[in-house]
Amino acid sequence: MKMFDFAQPATLDEAIGAWEPGAAWLGGGTNLVDLMKTGAVQPAKLIDISRLPGLAGIDELDDGATRIGALVRNADLAGDPAFAGRYPMVAEALLSGASGQLRNAATVAGNLMQYPRDAYFPGPEPDPMADASSLSVLGAGGEPVTVHPSDFCVPLVALDAVVEILGPDGPREIALADLYQPGEPRTTLIPGELVTALRLPAAAAEFRANCRYLKVRDRTSFAFAMASAAASLRMDGPHIAEARLSLGAVAPKPWRVAEAEALLKGQAPGADLFARAADAAMAGAQPVGGNGWKIELARRTAARALAMAAAGTPADMPALPASPFGNQTGDLAHV
């Protein structure tokens, strides 16, 4: 591992002042330290923000929104009864990511900022075509671009999550959907900026009765998705009043599909409708390096997630969260 300087500021202002080119923020360290050990990332300076005050709370705001501090641990957020009750799809996505040990250490902001990688990522001269299962079929123009790896971010984008940021020029906020971009730099953050919180609008909780996250992977735990989908429906009697659909593991960022959402609105749920919405979601997909199978897998994952959402959100978290092998039935317990 390359030698580096280490800073441990006591306040947010000190943290922002400690940043310099080549520095990296250290929160839970589950992604950054791993990449440093392989030599894939070699910061000249680490700024430890793990003890900064005011960044580890889960708060309901006056307008009904929920604000989540950057240092909230993934396991703590998924296990918070009030949060899981309002946003069960987000909790399900969190519990499908990584392993229990990693979720106990990993932070909310770290999850948002995790580096995309594949099995060949640490190599000195990786072949981008060597592991086509991790390459994007949407949003990359047919170029070999690695998919965004987060499960957590897929339902967040569907629910219009907002990121709060602090930097040398002061605070600002942006939609999570606008945080990511293909290539380098991977995000729209300005050098020296730090994610301080994540916010879900009050309207996101209106989908809690009919929402599911579905993740397809090559083993049930500690594996990145090969395809995933976050599906939310707000029902008005027998019809869909509003729909949200985002896909994971298919693009350089969590991929929200407005065309599919528009197709679902005002319709009665059913297998044919969900198949057409899934087709719309994958329209324009381009295989790269022989991963055409990913297009069909994502299409089926989207249709199945919509069917699961229509069935209703389960009263209790499935024993295998987000798994195709878990509980597929619902009971509208979150109405």
C-alpha atoms as a PDB file:
ATOM      1  CA  MET A   1       0.000   0.000   0.000  1.00  0.00           C
ATOM      2  CA  LYS A   2       1.252   3.461  -0.852  1.00  0.00           C
ATOM      3  CA  MET A   3       2.256   5.726   2.061  1.00  0.00           C
ATOM      4  CA  PHE A   4      -0.256   8.490   2.793  1.00  0.00           C
ATOM      5  CA  ASP A   5      -0.880  11.386   5.149  1.00  0.00           C
ATOM      6  CA  PHE A   6      -3.694  11.063   7.690  1.00  0.00           C
ATOM      7  CA  ALA A   7      -5.966  13.783   9.075  1.00  0.00           C
ATOM      8  CA  GLN A   8      -8.723  13.463  11.671  1.00  0.00           C
ATOM      9  CA  PRO A   9     -10.683  16.740  11.764  1.00  0.00           C
ATOM     10  CA  ALA A  10     -13.056  17.483  14.635  1.00  0.00           C
ATOM     11  CA  THR A  11     -15.631  19.516  12.690  1.00  0.00           C
ATOM     12  CA  LEU A  12     -17.107  19.689   9.203  1.00  0.00           C
ATOM     13  CA  ASP A  13     -15.381  23.005   8.563  1.00  0.00           C
ATOM     14  CA  GLU A  14     -12.030  21.477   9.545  1.00  0.00           C
ATOM     15  CA  ALA A  15     -12.698  18.527   7.251  1.00  0.00           C
ATOM     16  CA  ILE A  16     -13.420  20.756   4.250  1.00  0.00           C
ATOM     17  CA  GLY A  17     -10.299  22.801   5.061  1.00  0.00           C
ATOM     18  CA  ALA A  18      -8.161  19.658   5.258  1.00  0.00           C
ATOM     19  CA  TRP A  19      -8.948  18.573   1.714  1.00  0.00           C
ATOM     20  CA  GLU A  20      -6.282  18.932  -0.988  1.00  0.00           C
ATOM     21  CA  PRO A  21      -5.784  17.388  -4.442  1.00  0.00           C
ATOM     22  CA  GLY A  22      -5.086  13.672  -4.081  1.00  0.00           C
ATOM     23  CA  ALA A  23      -7.001  13.366  -0.805  1.00  0.00           C
ATOM     24  CA  ALA A  24      -9.841  10.938  -0.100  1.00  0.00           C
ATOM     25  CA  TRP A  25     -12.600  10.894   2.510  1.00  0.00           C
ATOM     26  CA  LEU A  26     -12.599   7.914   4.912  1.00  0.00           C
ATOM     27  CA  GLY A  27     -15.917   6.877   6.471  1.00  0.00           C
ATOM     28  CA  GLY A  28     -16.596   3.181   7.039  1.00  0.00           C
ATOM     29  CA  GLY A  29     -13.716   2.238   4.750  1.00  0.00           C
ATOM     30  CA  THR A  30     -15.330  -0.935   3.394  1.00  0.00           C
ATOM     31  CA  ASN A  31     -14.811   0.149  -0.211  1.00  0.00           C
ATOM     32  CA  LEU A  32     -11.873   2.561  -0.050  1.00  0.00           C
ATOM     33  CA  VAL A  33      -9.549   0.480   2.129  1.00  0.00           C
ATOM     34  CA  ASP A  34     -10.235  -2.587   0.002  1.00  0.00           C
ATOM     35  CA  LEU A  35      -9.254  -0.695  -3.155  1.00  0.00           C
ATOM     36  CA  MET A  36      -6.167   0.741  -1.464  1.00  0.00           C
ATOM     37  CA  LYS A  37      -4.982  -2.748  -0.537  1.00  0.00           C
ATOM     38  CA  THR A  38      -5.181  -3.864  -4.170  1.00  0.00           C
ATOM     39  CA  GLY A  39      -3.421  -0.723  -5.388  1.00  0.00           C
ATOM     40  CA  ALA A  40      -6.408   0.245  -7.527  1.00  0.00           C
ATOM     41  CA  VAL A  41      -6.787   3.528  -5.599  1.00  0.00           C
ATOM     42  CA  GLN A  42      -3.786   5.315  -4.087  1.00  0.00           C
ATOM     43  CA  PRO A  43      -4.734   8.519  -2.264  1.00  0.00           C
ATOM     44  CA  ALA A  44      -1.951  10.764  -1.016  1.00  0.00           C
ATOM     45  CA  LYS A  45      -4.000  11.727   2.035  1.00  0.00           C
ATOM     46  CA  LEU A  46      -6.883  10.219   4.007  1.00  0.00           C
ATOM     47  CA  ILE A  47      -9.287  12.512   5.841  1.00  0.00           C
ATOM     48  CA  ASP A  48     -11.089  10.516   8.531  1.00  0.00           C
ATOM     49  CA  ILE A  49     -14.662  11.838   8.819  1.00  0.00           C
ATOM     50  CA  SER A  50     -15.992   8.886  10.826  1.00  0.00           C
ATOM     51  CA  ARG A  51     -16.119  10.861  14.104  1.00  0.00           C
ATOM     52  CA  LEU A  52     -17.600  14.104  12.808  1.00  0.00           C
ATOM     53  CA  PRO A  53     -20.651  15.230  14.802  1.00  0.00           C
ATOM     54  CA  GLY A  54     -24.124  15.613  13.319  1.00  0.00           C
ATOM     55  CA  LEU A  55     -23.793  13.096  10.477  1.00  0.00           C
ATOM     56  CA  ALA A  56     -25.247   9.936  12.017  1.00  0.00           C
ATOM     57  CA  GLY A  57     -28.917  10.763  12.535  1.00  0.00           C
ATOM     58  CA  ILE A  58     -32.152   9.567  10.906  1.00  0.00           C
ATOM     59  CA  ASP A  59     -34.658  12.418  11.209  1.00  0.00           C
ATOM     60  CA  GLU A  60     -38.190  13.089  10.011  1.00  0.00           C
ATOM     61  CA  LEU A  61     -38.417  16.722   8.907  1.00  0.00           C
ATOM     62  CA  ASP A  62     -41.318  19.133   9.307  1.00  0.00           C
ATOM     63  CA  ASP A  63     -42.380  18.650   5.685  1.00  0.00           C
ATOM     64  CA  GLY A  64     -42.577  14.865   6.124  1.00  0.00           C
ATOM     65  CA  ALA A  65     -39.277  14.145   4.380  1.00  0.00           C
ATOM     66  CA  THR A  66     -36.690  11.845   5.952  1.00  0.00           C
ATOM     67  CA  ARG A  67     -33.094  13.013   6.311  1.00  0.00           C
ATOM     68  CA  ILE A  68     -30.348  10.418   6.717  1.00  0.00           C
ATOM     69  CA  GLY A  69     -26.890  11.478   7.841  1.00  0.00           C
ATOM     70  CA  ALA A  70     -23.897  10.460   5.744  1.00  0.00           C
ATOM     71  CA  LEU A  71     -22.389   8.327   8.518  1.00  0.00           C
ATOM     72  CA  VAL A  72     -25.496   6.246   9.266  1.00  0.00           C
ATOM     73  CA  ARG A  73     -24.515   2.589   8.911  1.00  0.00           C
ATOM     74  CA  ASN A  74     -26.350   0.547   6.288  1.00  0.00           C
ATOM     75  CA  ALA A  75     -27.462  -2.052   8.841  1.00  0.00           C
ATOM     76  CA  ASP A  76     -28.767   0.624  11.205  1.00  0.00           C
ATOM     77  CA  LEU A  77     -30.794   2.300   8.476  1.00  0.00           C
ATOM     78  CA  ALA A  78     -32.331  -0.946   7.208  1.00  0.00           C
ATOM     79  CA  GLY A  79     -33.104  -1.983  10.784  1.00  0.00           C
ATOM     80  CA  ASP A  80     -34.732   1.293  11.834  1.00  0.00           C
ATOM     81  CA  PRO A  81     -38.455   0.413  12.228  1.00  0.00           C
ATOM     82  CA  ALA A  82     -39.746   3.855  11.260  1.00  0.00           C
ATOM     83  CA  PHE A  83     -37.557   4.049   8.166  1.00  0.00           C
ATOM     84  CA  ALA A  84     -38.297   0.483   7.039  1.00  0.00           C
ATOM     85  CA  GLY A  85     -42.007   1.112   7.523  1.00  0.00           C
ATOM     86  CA  ARG A  86     -41.996   4.232   5.348  1.00  0.00           C
ATOM     87  CA  TYR A  87     -39.544   2.991   2.702  1.00  0.00           C
ATOM     88  CA  PRO A  88     -39.606  -0.844   2.782  1.00  0.00           C
ATOM     89  CA  MET A  89     -38.187  -1.143  -0.736  1.00  0.00           C
ATOM     90  CA  VAL A  90     -35.079   0.815   0.283  1.00  0.00           C
ATOM     91  CA  ALA A  91     -34.592  -1.340   3.387  1.00  0.00           C
ATOM     92  CA  GLU A  92     -34.934  -4.485   1.263  1.00  0.00           C
ATOM     93  CA  ALA A  93     -32.309  -3.228  -1.169  1.00  0.00           C
ATOM     94  CA  LEU A  94     -29.923  -2.409   1.678  1.00  0.00           C
ATOM     95  CA  LEU A  95     -30.268  -5.873   3.170  1.00  0.00           C
ATOM     96  CA  SER A  96     -29.510  -7.504  -0.179  1.00  0.00           C
ATOM     97  CA  GLY A  97     -26.144  -5.753  -0.462  1.00  0.00           C
ATOM     98  CA  ALA A  98     -22.734  -7.098   0.545  1.00  0.00           C
ATOM     99  CA  SER A  99     -22.773  -9.155   3.797  1.00  0.00           C
ATOM    100  CA  GLY A 100     -23.975  -8.592   7.343  1.00  0.00           C
ATOM    101  CA  GLN A 101     -20.466  -7.737   8.525  1.00  0.00           C
ATOM    102  CA  LEU A 102     -19.981  -5.140   5.805  1.00  0.00           C
ATOM    103  CA  ARG A 103     -23.424  -3.605   6.332  1.00  0.00           C
ATOM    104  CA  ASN A 104     -22.518  -3.107  10.000  1.00  0.00           C
ATOM    105  CA  ALA A 105     -19.551  -0.938   8.959  1.00  0.00           C
ATOM    106  CA  ALA A 106     -20.510   0.604   5.615  1.00  0.00           C
ATOM    107  CA  THR A 107     -22.032   4.093   5.630  1.00  0.00           C
ATOM    108  CA  VAL A 108     -24.851   5.650   3.639  1.00  0.00           C
ATOM    109  CA  ALA A 109     -22.539   8.129   1.881  1.00  0.00           C
ATOM    110  CA  GLY A 110     -19.973   5.422   1.197  1.00  0.00           C
ATOM    111  CA  ASN A 111     -22.655   3.340  -0.475  1.00  0.00           C
ATOM    112  CA  LEU A 112     -23.572   6.257  -2.737  1.00  0.00           C
ATOM    113  CA  MET A 113     -19.922   6.841  -3.640  1.00  0.00           C
ATOM    114  CA  GLN A 114     -18.671   3.271  -4.018  1.00  0.00           C
ATOM    115  CA  TYR A 115     -16.390   2.642  -6.944  1.00  0.00           C
ATOM    116  CA  PRO A 116     -17.675   0.506  -9.845  1.00  0.00           C
ATOM    117  CA  ARG A 117     -15.473  -2.534 -10.418  1.00  0.00           C
ATOM    118  CA  ASP A 118     -15.448  -6.053 -11.811  1.00  0.00           C
ATOM    119  CA  ALA A 119     -13.356  -9.177 -11.322  1.00  0.00           C
ATOM    120  CA  TYR A 120     -10.527  -7.681 -13.364  1.00  0.00           C
ATOM    121  CA  PHE A 121     -10.635  -4.208 -11.849  1.00  0.00           C
ATOM    122  CA  PRO A 122      -7.429  -4.456  -9.714  1.00  0.00           C
ATOM    123  CA  GLY A 123      -5.265  -5.688 -12.610  1.00  0.00           C
ATOM    124  CA  PRO A 124      -2.518  -3.443 -14.002  1.00  0.00           C
ATOM    125  CA  GLU A 125      -4.017  -3.524 -17.498  1.00  0.00           C
ATOM    126  CA  PRO A 126      -7.545  -4.921 -17.164  1.00  0.00           C
ATOM    127  CA  ASP A 127      -9.353  -6.061 -20.272  1.00  0.00           C
ATOM    128  CA  PRO A 128     -12.748  -4.304 -20.202  1.00  0.00           C
ATOM    129  CA  MET A 129     -14.251  -7.138 -22.238  1.00  0.00           C
ATOM    130  CA  ALA A 130     -12.949  -9.897 -19.941  1.00  0.00           C
ATOM    131  CA  ASP A 131     -15.967  -9.781 -17.605  1.00  0.00           C
ATOM    132  CA  ALA A 132     -18.832  -8.583 -19.771  1.00  0.00           C
ATOM    133  CA  SER A 133     -21.371  -9.404 -17.074  1.00  0.00           C
ATOM    134  CA  SER A 134     -20.368  -6.150 -15.336  1.00  0.00           C
ATOM    135  CA  LEU A 135     -20.600  -3.975 -18.454  1.00  0.00           C
ATOM    136  CA  SER A 136     -23.445  -1.566 -19.175  1.00  0.00           C
ATOM    137  CA  VAL A 137     -26.090  -2.282 -21.790  1.00  0.00           C
ATOM    138  CA  LEU A 138     -27.829   1.080 -21.294  1.00  0.00           C
ATOM    139  CA  GLY A 139     -26.450   4.596 -21.099  1.00  0.00           C
ATOM    140  CA  ALA A 140     -23.009   3.793 -22.470  1.00  0.00           C
ATOM    141  CA  GLY A 141     -23.535   3.938 -26.235  1.00  0.00           C
ATOM    142  CA  GLY A 142     -22.256   0.391 -26.708  1.00  0.00           C
ATOM    143  CA  GLU A 143     -18.894   1.216 -25.125  1.00  0.00           C
ATOM    144  CA  PRO A 144     -17.367  -1.042 -22.421  1.00  0.00           C
ATOM    145  CA  VAL A 145     -18.391   0.931 -19.330  1.00  0.00           C
ATOM    146  CA  THR A 146     -18.756  -0.782 -15.952  1.00  0.00           C
ATOM    147  CA  VAL A 147     -22.182  -0.689 -14.317  1.00  0.00           C
ATOM    148  CA  HIS A 148     -22.848   1.201 -11.103  1.00  0.00           C
ATOM    149  CA  PRO A 149     -22.612  -1.409  -8.310  1.00  0.00           C
ATOM    150  CA  SER A 150     -24.983  -0.115  -5.605  1.00  0.00           C
ATOM    151  CA  ASP A 151     -28.263  -1.819  -4.664  1.00  0.00           C
ATOM    152  CA  PHE A 152     -29.237   0.989  -2.266  1.00  0.00           C
ATOM    153  CA  CYS A 153     -29.160   3.649  -4.982  1.00  0.00           C
ATOM    154  CA  VAL A 154     -31.621   1.899  -7.313  1.00  0.00           C
ATOM    155  CA  PRO A 155     -34.766   2.458  -5.193  1.00  0.00           C
ATOM    156  CA  LEU A 156     -33.440   5.830  -4.040  1.00  0.00           C
ATOM    157  CA  VAL A 157     -33.405   7.114  -7.624  1.00  0.00           C
ATOM    158  CA  ALA A 158     -36.925   5.774  -8.158  1.00  0.00           C
ATOM    159  CA  LEU A 159     -38.084   7.723  -5.091  1.00  0.00           C
ATOM    160  CA  ASP A 160     -36.486  11.065  -6.058  1.00  0.00           C
ATOM    161  CA  ALA A 161     -33.832  11.062  -3.334  1.00  0.00           C
ATOM    162  CA  VAL A 162     -31.763  14.226  -2.894  1.00  0.00           C
ATOM    163  CA  VAL A 163     -28.119  14.454  -1.805  1.00  0.00           C
ATOM    164  CA  GLU A 164     -26.899  17.209   0.516  1.00  0.00           C
ATOM    165  CA  ILE A 165     -23.308  18.312  -0.143  1.00  0.00           C
ATOM    166  CA  LEU A 166     -20.794  20.570   1.552  1.00  0.00           C
ATOM    167  CA  GLY A 167     -17.677  21.942  -0.131  1.00  0.00           C
ATOM    168  CA  PRO A 168     -15.260  24.850  -0.207  1.00  0.00           C
ATOM    169  CA  ASP A 169     -17.983  27.030  -1.769  1.00  0.00           C
ATOM    170  CA  GLY A 170     -20.566  26.139   0.864  1.00  0.00           C
ATOM    171  CA  PRO A 171     -23.585  23.785   0.907  1.00  0.00           C
ATOM    172  CA  ARG A 172     -25.666  22.687  -2.044  1.00  0.00           C
ATOM    173  CA  GLU A 173     -27.972  19.823  -2.965  1.00  0.00           C
ATOM    174  CA  ILE A 174     -28.682  17.815  -6.096  1.00  0.00           C
ATOM    175  CA  ALA A 175     -30.987  14.974  -7.107  1.00  0.00           C
ATOM    176  CA  LEU A 176     -29.271  11.630  -6.605  1.00  0.00           C
ATOM    177  CA  ALA A 177     -30.054  10.830 -10.247  1.00  0.00           C
ATOM    178  CA  ASP A 178     -27.807  13.743 -11.250  1.00  0.00           C
ATOM    179  CA  LEU A 179     -24.888  12.659  -9.057  1.00  0.00           C
ATOM    180  CA  TYR A 180     -23.555  10.024 -11.449  1.00  0.00           C
ATOM    181  CA  GLN A 181     -22.030  10.150 -14.907  1.00  0.00           C
ATOM    182  CA  PRO A 182     -20.145   7.623 -17.063  1.00  0.00           C
ATOM    183  CA  GLY A 183     -16.350   7.740 -17.260  1.00  0.00           C
ATOM    184  CA  GLU A 184     -14.057   9.825 -15.086  1.00  0.00           C
ATOM    185  CA  PRO A 185     -14.869  11.639 -12.914  1.00  0.00           C
ATOM    186  CA  ARG A 186     -17.645   9.226 -12.006  1.00  0.00           C
ATOM    187  CA  THR A 187     -19.736  11.850 -10.186  1.00  0.00           C
ATOM    188  CA  THR A 188     -20.655  15.489 -10.605  1.00  0.00           C
ATOM    189  CA  LEU A 189     -19.107  16.406  -7.249  1.00  0.00           C
ATOM    190  CA  ILE A 190     -16.648  19.294  -7.354  1.00  0.00           C
ATOM    191  CA  PRO A 191     -13.192  18.406  -5.952  1.00  0.00           C
ATOM    192  CA  GLY A 192     -13.221  18.886  -2.195  1.00  0.00           C
ATOM    193  CA  GLU A 193     -16.975  18.367  -1.794  1.00  0.00           C
ATOM    194  CA  LEU A 194     -18.340  15.950   0.780  1.00  0.00           C
ATOM    195  CA  VAL A 195     -21.743  14.220   0.929  1.00  0.00           C
ATOM    196  CA  THR A 196     -23.280  15.131   4.296  1.00  0.00           C
ATOM    197  CA  ALA A 197     -26.798  13.667   4.061  1.00  0.00           C
ATOM    198  CA  LEU A 198     -29.410  11.961   1.935  1.00  0.00           C
ATOM    199  CA  ARG A 199     -33.037  13.050   1.884  1.00  0.00           C
ATOM    200  CA  LEU A 200     -36.184  11.210   0.796  1.00  0.00           C
ATOM    201  CA  PRO A 201     -39.276  13.366   0.089  1.00  0.00           C
ATOM    202  CA  ALA A 202     -42.509  12.775   1.961  1.00  0.00           C
ATOM    203  CA  ALA A 203     -44.188  11.628  -1.265  1.00  0.00           C
ATOM    204  CA  ALA A 204     -41.846   8.626  -1.432  1.00  0.00           C
ATOM    205  CA  ALA A 205     -43.673   7.051   1.502  1.00  0.00           C
ATOM    206  CA  GLU A 206     -46.908   7.005  -0.521  1.00  0.00           C
ATOM    207  CA  PHE A 207     -45.570   3.953  -2.395  1.00  0.00           C
ATOM    208  CA  ARG A 208     -44.951   1.836   0.724  1.00  0.00           C
ATOM    209  CA  ALA A 209     -47.989  -0.432   0.222  1.00  0.00           C
ATOM    210  CA  ASN A 210     -46.855  -1.677  -3.196  1.00  0.00           C
ATOM    211  CA  CYS A 211     -43.093  -1.646  -3.613  1.00  0.00           C
ATOM    212  CA  ARG A 212     -40.366  -4.268  -3.987  1.00  0.00           C
ATOM    213  CA  TYR A 213     -36.685  -4.559  -4.856  1.00  0.00           C
ATOM    214  CA  LEU A 214     -35.558  -7.631  -6.801  1.00  0.00           C
ATOM    215  CA  LYS A 215     -31.909  -8.608  -7.286  1.00  0.00           C
ATOM    216  CA  VAL A 216     -30.606 -11.411  -9.493  1.00  0.00           C
ATOM    217  CA  ARG A 217     -27.051 -12.539  -8.724  1.00  0.00           C
ATOM    218  CA  ASP A 218     -24.941 -15.660  -8.954  1.00  0.00           C
ATOM    219  CA  ARG A 219     -25.173 -16.394  -5.212  1.00  0.00           C
ATOM    220  CA  THR A 220     -27.577 -15.301  -2.490  1.00  0.00           C
ATOM    221  CA  SER A 221     -25.145 -13.223  -0.415  1.00  0.00           C
ATOM    222  CA  PHE A 222     -22.075 -11.041  -0.914  1.00  0.00           C
ATOM    223  CA  ALA A 223     -22.426 -10.658  -4.670  1.00  0.00           C
ATOM    224  CA  PHE A 224     -23.075  -7.758  -7.028  1.00  0.00           C
ATOM    225  CA  ALA A 225     -26.290  -7.851  -9.053  1.00  0.00           C
ATOM    226  CA  MET A 226     -26.356  -9.131 -12.607  1.00  0.00           C
ATOM    227  CA  ALA A 227     -29.703  -7.354 -12.928  1.00  0.00           C
ATOM    228  CA  SER A 228     -31.973  -5.654 -10.409  1.00  0.00           C
ATOM    229  CA  ALA A 229     -35.150  -3.602 -10.337  1.00  0.00           C
ATOM    230  CA  ALA A 230     -36.935  -1.315  -7.884  1.00  0.00           C
ATOM    231  CA  ALA A 231     -40.668  -1.164  -8.599  1.00  0.00           C
ATOM    232  CA  SER A 232     -43.208   1.050  -6.823  1.00  0.00           C
ATOM    233  CA  LEU A 233     -46.908   1.486  -7.529  1.00  0.00           C
ATOM    234  CA  ARG A 234     -49.381   3.913  -5.996  1.00  0.00           C
ATOM    235  CA  MET A 235     -52.790   2.353  -6.476  1.00  0.00           C
ATOM    236  CA  ASP A 236     -56.142   4.075  -6.928  1.00  0.00           C
ATOM    237  CA  GLY A 237     -58.614   1.258  -6.554  1.00  0.00           C
ATOM    238  CA  PRO A 238     -57.939  -1.322  -9.283  1.00  0.00           C
ATOM    239  CA  HIS A 239     -55.719   1.005 -11.307  1.00  0.00           C
ATOM    240  CA  ILE A 240     -52.155   2.307 -11.053  1.00  0.00           C
ATOM    241  CA  ALA A 241     -52.276   6.001 -10.194  1.00  0.00           C
ATOM    242  CA  GLU A 242     -48.514   6.421 -10.376  1.00  0.00           C
ATOM    243  CA  ALA A 243     -45.535   4.132 -10.986  1.00  0.00           C
ATOM    244  CA  ARG A 244     -41.800   4.295 -10.359  1.00  0.00           C
ATOM    245  CA  LEU A 245     -39.292   1.919 -11.931  1.00  0.00           C
ATOM    246  CA  SER A 246     -35.505   1.938 -11.731  1.00  0.00           C
ATOM    247  CA  LEU A 247     -33.017  -0.682 -12.879  1.00  0.00           C
ATOM    248  CA  GLY A 248     -29.647  -1.647 -11.462  1.00  0.00           C
ATOM    249  CA  ALA A 249     -26.576  -3.392 -12.903  1.00  0.00           C
ATOM    250  CA  VAL A 250     -27.422  -2.323 -16.456  1.00  0.00           C
ATOM    251  CA  ALA A 251     -25.935   1.188 -16.724  1.00  0.00           C
ATOM    252  CA  PRO A 252     -23.165   3.429 -15.339  1.00  0.00           C
ATOM    253  CA  LYS A 253     -25.730   4.819 -12.904  1.00  0.00           C
ATOM    254  CA  PRO A 254     -29.031   3.661 -11.388  1.00  0.00           C
ATOM    255  CA  TRP A 255     -31.336   3.730 -14.387  1.00  0.00           C
ATOM    256  CA  ARG A 256     -34.799   5.222 -13.951  1.00  0.00           C
ATOM    257  CA  VAL A 257     -37.238   4.533 -16.781  1.00  0.00           C
ATOM    258  CA  ALA A 258     -39.764   7.327 -17.302  1.00  0.00           C
ATOM    259  CA  GLU A 259     -41.164   5.679 -20.457  1.00  0.00           C
ATOM    260  CA  ALA A 260     -42.166   2.558 -18.546  1.00  0.00           C
ATOM    261  CA  GLU A 261     -43.645   4.631 -15.728  1.00  0.00           C
ATOM    262  CA  ALA A 262     -45.831   6.561 -18.185  1.00  0.00           C
ATOM    263  CA  LEU A 263     -47.023   3.332 -19.788  1.00  0.00           C
ATOM    264  CA  LEU A 264     -48.122   1.930 -16.423  1.00  0.00           C
ATOM    265  CA  LYS A 265     -50.026   4.998 -15.236  1.00  0.00           C
ATOM    266  CA  GLY A 266     -53.810   4.613 -15.236  1.00  0.00           C
ATOM    267  CA  GLN A 267     -53.698   0.933 -16.169  1.00  0.00           C
ATOM    268  CA  ALA A 268     -54.892  -2.171 -14.341  1.00  0.00           C
ATOM    269  CA  PRO A 269     -51.931  -4.285 -13.205  1.00  0.00           C
ATOM    270  CA  GLY A 270     -51.308  -7.512 -15.089  1.00  0.00           C
ATOM    271  CA  ALA A 271     -48.611  -9.693 -16.624  1.00  0.00           C
ATOM    272  CA  ASP A 272     -49.083  -8.328 -20.157  1.00  0.00           C
ATOM    273  CA  LEU A 273     -48.829  -4.729 -18.953  1.00  0.00           C
ATOM    274  CA  PHE A 274     -45.712  -5.464 -16.925  1.00  0.00           C
ATOM    275  CA  ALA A 275     -44.081  -7.224 -19.892  1.00  0.00           C
ATOM    276  CA  ARG A 276     -44.710  -4.184 -22.086  1.00  0.00           C
ATOM    277  CA  ALA A 277     -43.316  -1.886 -19.400  1.00  0.00           C
ATOM    278  CA  ALA A 278     -40.206  -4.063 -19.146  1.00  0.00           C
ATOM    279  CA  ASP A 279     -39.788  -3.922 -22.923  1.00  0.00           C
ATOM    280  CA  ALA A 280     -39.992  -0.134 -22.753  1.00  0.00           C
ATOM    281  CA  ALA A 281     -37.448  -0.116 -19.930  1.00  0.00           C
ATOM    282  CA  MET A 282     -34.882  -1.976 -22.024  1.00  0.00           C
ATOM    283  CA  ALA A 283     -35.567  -0.180 -25.314  1.00  0.00           C
ATOM    284  CA  GLY A 284     -32.295   0.899 -26.875  1.00  0.00           C
ATOM    285  CA  ALA A 285     -30.168  -1.558 -24.892  1.00  0.00           C
ATOM    286  CA  GLN A 286     -26.916  -2.533 -26.629  1.00  0.00           C
ATOM    287  CA  PRO A 287     -24.950  -5.673 -25.782  1.00  0.00           C
ATOM    288  CA  VAL A 288     -21.205  -5.354 -25.182  1.00  0.00           C
ATOM    289  CA  GLY A 289     -18.691  -8.188 -25.246  1.00  0.00           C
ATOM    290  CA  GLY A 290     -21.295 -10.919 -25.548  1.00  0.00           C
ATOM    291  CA  ASN A 291     -23.520  -9.851 -22.649  1.00  0.00           C
ATOM    292  CA  GLY A 292     -26.735  -9.796 -24.635  1.00  0.00           C
ATOM    293  CA  TRP A 293     -28.174 -12.216 -22.074  1.00  0.00           C
ATOM    294  CA  LYS A 294     -28.134  -9.317 -19.584  1.00  0.00           C
ATOM    295  CA  ILE A 295     -30.764  -7.478 -21.642  1.00  0.00           C
ATOM    296  CA  GLU A 296     -33.241 -10.347 -21.418  1.00  0.00           C
ATOM    297  CA  LEU A 297     -32.406 -10.944 -17.756  1.00  0.00           C
ATOM    298  CA  ALA A 298     -33.034  -7.282 -16.918  1.00  0.00           C
ATOM    299  CA  ARG A 299     -36.296  -7.316 -18.869  1.00  0.00           C
ATOM    300  CA  ARG A 300     -37.591 -10.318 -16.923  1.00  0.00           C
ATOM    301  CA  THR A 301     -36.335  -8.881 -13.627  1.00  0.00           C
ATOM    302  CA  ALA A 302     -38.240  -5.633 -14.234  1.00  0.00           C
ATOM    303  CA  ALA A 303     -41.482  -7.446 -15.106  1.00  0.00           C
ATOM    304  CA  ARG A 304     -41.226  -9.694 -12.061  1.00  0.00           C
ATOM    305  CA  ALA A 305     -40.458  -6.796  -9.713  1.00  0.00           C
ATOM    306  CA  LEU A 306     -43.566  -4.994 -10.962  1.00  0.00           C
ATOM    307  CA  ALA A 307     -45.683  -8.099 -10.369  1.00  0.00           C
ATOM    308  CA  MET A 308     -44.274  -8.409  -6.850  1.00  0.00           C
ATOM    309  CA  ALA A 309     -45.036  -4.755  -6.147  1.00  0.00           C
ATOM    310  CA  ALA A 310     -48.603  -5.192  -7.402  1.00  0.00           C
ATOM    311  CA  ALA A 311     -49.061  -8.126  -5.001  1.00  0.00           C
ATOM    312  CA  GLY A 312     -48.268  -5.826  -2.087  1.00  0.00           C
ATOM    313  CA  THR A 313     -45.383  -5.164   0.269  1.00  0.00           C
ATOM    314  CA  PRO A 314     -44.903  -8.000   2.782  1.00  0.00           C
ATOM    315  CA  ALA A 315     -45.610  -7.241   6.432  1.00  0.00           C
ATOM    316  CA  ASP A 316     -42.190  -8.579   7.419  1.00  0.00           C
ATOM    317  CA  MET A 317     -38.870  -8.419   5.599  1.00  0.00           C
ATOM    318  CA  PRO A 318     -38.373 -11.649   3.621  1.00  0.00           C
ATOM    319  CA  ALA A 319     -35.797 -14.054   5.033  1.00  0.00           C
ATOM    320  CA  LEU A 320     -33.936 -13.629   1.742  1.00  0.00           C
ATOM    321  CA  PRO A 321     -34.379  -9.907   0.968  1.00  0.00           C
ATOM    322  CA  ALA A 322     -34.683  -9.037  -2.735  1.00  0.00           C
ATOM    323  CA  SER A 323     -34.004 -12.631  -3.767  1.00  0.00           C
ATOM    324  CA  PRO A 324     -35.950 -14.430  -6.518  1.00  0.00           C
ATOM    325  CA  PHE A 325     -35.980 -17.372  -4.094  1.00  0.00           C
ATOM    326  CA  GLY A 326     -37.554 -15.374  -1.254  1.00  0.00           C
ATOM    327  CA  ASN A 327     -41.178 -14.640  -0.407  1.00  0.00           C
ATOM    328  CA  GLN A 328     -42.965 -13.353  -3.502  1.00  0.00           C
ATOM    329  CA  THR A 329     -46.337 -12.651  -1.928  1.00  0.00           C
ATOM    330  CA  GLY A 330     -47.641  -9.498  -0.302  1.00  0.00           C
ATOM    331  CA  ASP A 331     -50.444  -8.523   2.028  1.00  0.00           C
ATOM    332  CA  LEU A 332     -50.751  -4.741   1.767  1.00  0.00           C
ATOM    333  CA  ALA A 333     -49.609  -4.455   5.398  1.00  0.00           C
ATOM    334  CA  HIS A 334     -48.081  -1.037   4.793  1.00  0.00           C
ATOM    335  CA  VAL A 335     -51.276   0.689   3.617  1.00  0.00           C
END
